[in-house]
Structures are given as C-alpha cells and as structure tokens.
C-alpha cells in the first residue's frame, strides 16, 4: 500500500494536481445542499466527500 500512497502523493504534489484536488474539495466537501435535498442526493454527495477524503489521506500518508 505504501507504493500506492507514494503515487498519490506524487500525483497531487504538482501544481496541476493541487489545483485538481482543490477543485474536488470545492465541488464535494465545500458544497452544501438545500433543505429540499433528497435522501439520494445527500447519500450521493456524502459518498463523493468520502472519496475525496480518501484521496487526501492517501496523498498525505505518501508524503511521510
């Protein structure tokens, strides 16, 4: 798994990779849904957020 973590770290260490990761954060983690959001919309967004968190965690561990 360490090799994969290092791959994530290298991928997102570039300026382009950092911009992509920031965009992913903006469209998932920083996004809010209104009071009328359906259960499916909430679950879908939470799954996207979990994926972005996983990417960030792998990249962070790859730097160690």
Protein backbone atom coordinates (compact mmCIF):
# COMPACT_ATOMS: atom_id res chain seq x y z
CA UNK A 1 0.00 0.00 0.00
CA UNK A 2 2.94 2.33 0.61
CA UNK A 3 3.71 2.41 -3.12
CA UNK A 4 0.15 3.48 -3.87
CA UNK A 5 0.29 6.18 -1.19
CA UNK A 6 3.50 7.50 -2.74
CA UNK A 7 1.83 7.51 -6.16
CA UNK A 8 -1.00 9.64 -4.76
CA UNK A 9 1.50 11.99 -3.10
CA UNK A 10 3.47 12.42 -6.32
CA UNK A 11 0.33 12.92 -8.39
CA UNK A 12 -1.09 15.67 -6.19
CA UNK A 13 2.27 17.33 -5.37
CA UNK A 14 2.38 19.13 -8.72
CA UNK A 15 0.69 22.49 -9.26
CA UNK A 16 -1.82 20.83 -11.58
CA UNK A 17 -2.51 18.06 -9.07
CA UNK A 18 -3.02 20.55 -6.25
CA UNK A 19 -5.45 22.52 -8.45
CA UNK A 20 -7.40 19.35 -9.25
CA UNK A 21 -7.57 18.37 -5.58
CA UNK A 22 -8.76 21.87 -4.64
CA UNK A 23 -11.46 21.64 -7.33
CA UNK A 24 -12.57 18.26 -6.00
CA UNK A 25 -12.79 19.76 -2.48
CA UNK A 26 -14.81 22.69 -3.80
CA UNK A 27 -17.40 20.55 -5.60
CA UNK A 28 -17.76 18.00 -2.80
CA UNK A 29 -16.57 18.85 0.70
CA UNK A 30 -17.32 22.58 0.50
CA UNK A 31 -20.66 22.04 -1.25
CA UNK A 32 -23.92 22.34 0.61
CA UNK A 33 -27.32 21.07 -0.37
CA UNK A 34 -30.52 22.91 0.39
CA UNK A 35 -33.26 21.86 2.74
CA UNK A 36 -35.10 20.25 -0.16
CA UNK A 37 -32.33 17.77 -0.94
CA UNK A 38 -33.49 14.22 -1.29
CA UNK A 39 -32.08 11.29 0.64
CA UNK A 40 -30.44 10.04 -2.56
CA UNK A 41 -28.77 13.43 -3.17
CA UNK A 42 -27.44 13.53 0.39
CA UNK A 43 -26.11 9.99 0.18
CA UNK A 44 -24.52 10.64 -3.21
CA UNK A 45 -22.74 13.77 -2.01
CA UNK A 46 -21.55 12.02 1.14
CA UNK A 47 -20.06 9.22 -0.99
CA UNK A 48 -18.25 11.81 -3.11
CA UNK A 49 -16.93 13.52 0.01
CA UNK A 50 -15.68 10.22 1.37
CA UNK A 51 -13.79 9.58 -1.86
CA UNK A 52 -12.11 13.00 -1.77
CA UNK A 53 -11.14 12.42 1.87
CA UNK A 54 -9.67 9.04 0.91
CA UNK A 55 -7.60 10.65 -1.86
CA UNK A 56 -6.35 13.34 0.52
CA UNK A 57 -5.46 10.79 3.19
CA UNK A 58 -3.56 8.58 0.76
CA UNK A 59 -1.63 11.55 -0.60
CA UNK A 60 -0.80 12.77 2.92
CA UNK A 61 0.43 9.33 4.02
CA UNK A 62 2.54 9.06 0.87
CA UNK A 63 4.48 12.17 1.89
CA UNK A 64 5.62 10.62 5.18
